[in-house]
Amino acid sequence: MEDHQKQEALKAQDEMMEIADRLFQEGKSEAEVRKFLSEYLDQKRAEVQKNKG
């Protein structure tokens, strides 16, 4: 993996941790947080595919 990809992956990981922390603070269950993060990742993948093609 090149450096740019590593930086983007770390940035995405940080974003997801911040989202998870916020959701837990709002009183969401682990299942709700997992579902939200799964949907978030699906959305990000779709954006990447759209930008590539």
C-alpha atoms as a PDB file:
ATOM      1  CA  MET A   1       0.000   0.000   0.000  1.00  0.00           C
ATOM      2  CA  GLU A   2       1.395   3.393  -0.874  1.00  0.00           C
ATOM      3  CA  ASP A   3       1.761   6.182   1.687  1.00  0.00           C
ATOM      4  CA  HIS A   4      -1.278   8.125   0.437  1.00  0.00           C
ATOM      5  CA  GLN A   5      -3.500   5.075   0.781  1.00  0.00           C
ATOM      6  CA  LYS A   6      -2.176   4.461   4.292  1.00  0.00           C
ATOM      7  CA  GLN A   7      -2.907   8.061   5.251  1.00  0.00           C
ATOM      8  CA  GLU A   8      -6.443   7.822   3.857  1.00  0.00           C
ATOM      9  CA  ALA A   9      -7.032   4.536   5.700  1.00  0.00           C
ATOM     10  CA  LEU A  10      -5.839   6.037   8.985  1.00  0.00           C
ATOM     11  CA  LYS A  11      -8.011   9.101   8.423  1.00  0.00           C
ATOM     12  CA  ALA A  12     -11.061   6.903   7.790  1.00  0.00           C
ATOM     13  CA  GLN A  13     -10.271   4.836  10.889  1.00  0.00           C
ATOM     14  CA  ASP A  14     -10.064   7.999  12.990  1.00  0.00           C
ATOM     15  CA  GLU A  15     -13.388   9.222  11.580  1.00  0.00           C
ATOM     16  CA  MET A  16     -15.058   5.920  12.405  1.00  0.00           C
ATOM     17  CA  MET A  17     -13.695   5.953  15.964  1.00  0.00           C
ATOM     18  CA  GLU A  18     -15.025   9.481  16.458  1.00  0.00           C
ATOM     19  CA  ILE A  19     -18.430   8.440  15.100  1.00  0.00           C
ATOM     20  CA  ALA A  20     -18.510   5.369  17.334  1.00  0.00           C
ATOM     21  CA  ASP A  21     -17.548   7.420  20.405  1.00  0.00           C
ATOM     22  CA  ARG A  22     -20.273   9.968  19.661  1.00  0.00           C
ATOM     23  CA  LEU A  23     -22.919   7.288  19.140  1.00  0.00           C
ATOM     24  CA  PHE A  24     -21.973   5.498  22.369  1.00  0.00           C
ATOM     25  CA  GLN A  25     -22.147   8.828  24.222  1.00  0.00           C
ATOM     26  CA  GLU A  26     -25.653   9.276  22.801  1.00  0.00           C
ATOM     27  CA  GLY A  27     -26.577   5.967  24.423  1.00  0.00           C
ATOM     28  CA  LYS A  28     -26.665   3.824  21.286  1.00  0.00           C
ATOM     29  CA  SER A  29     -26.202   0.083  21.690  1.00  0.00           C
ATOM     30  CA  GLU A  30     -23.240  -1.773  20.221  1.00  0.00           C
ATOM     31  CA  ALA A  31     -25.514  -3.278  17.570  1.00  0.00           C
ATOM     32  CA  GLU A  32     -26.756   0.175  16.550  1.00  0.00           C
ATOM     33  CA  VAL A  33     -23.196   1.502  16.337  1.00  0.00           C
ATOM     34  CA  ARG A  34     -22.090  -1.493  14.240  1.00  0.00           C
ATOM     35  CA  LYS A  35     -25.046  -1.018  11.886  1.00  0.00           C
ATOM     36  CA  PHE A  36     -24.333   2.689  11.498  1.00  0.00           C
ATOM     37  CA  LEU A  37     -20.624   2.090  10.819  1.00  0.00           C
ATOM     38  CA  SER A  38     -21.450  -0.640   8.304  1.00  0.00           C
ATOM     39  CA  GLU A  39     -23.739   1.745   6.438  1.00  0.00           C
ATOM     40  CA  TYR A  40     -21.081   4.467   6.666  1.00  0.00           C
ATOM     41  CA  LEU A  41     -18.499   2.149   5.088  1.00  0.00           C
ATOM     42  CA  ASP A  42     -20.923   1.148   2.331  1.00  0.00           C
ATOM     43  CA  GLN A  43     -21.499   4.819   1.550  1.00  0.00           C
ATOM     44  CA  LYS A  44     -17.756   5.554   1.484  1.00  0.00           C
ATOM     45  CA  ARG A  45     -17.116   2.573  -0.821  1.00  0.00           C
ATOM     46  CA  ALA A  46     -19.837   3.807  -3.173  1.00  0.00           C
ATOM     47  CA  GLU A  47     -18.241   7.269  -3.244  1.00  0.00           C
ATOM     48  CA  VAL A  48     -14.835   5.784  -4.081  1.00  0.00           C
ATOM     49  CA  GLN A  49     -16.297   3.630  -6.879  1.00  0.00           C
ATOM     50  CA  LYS A  50     -18.184   6.634  -8.263  1.00  0.00           C
ATOM     51  CA  ASN A  51     -15.000   8.739  -8.255  1.00  0.00           C
ATOM     52  CA  LYS A  52     -13.013   5.978  -9.984  1.00  0.00           C
ATOM     53  CA  GLY A  53     -15.538   5.343 -12.720  1.00  0.00           C
END
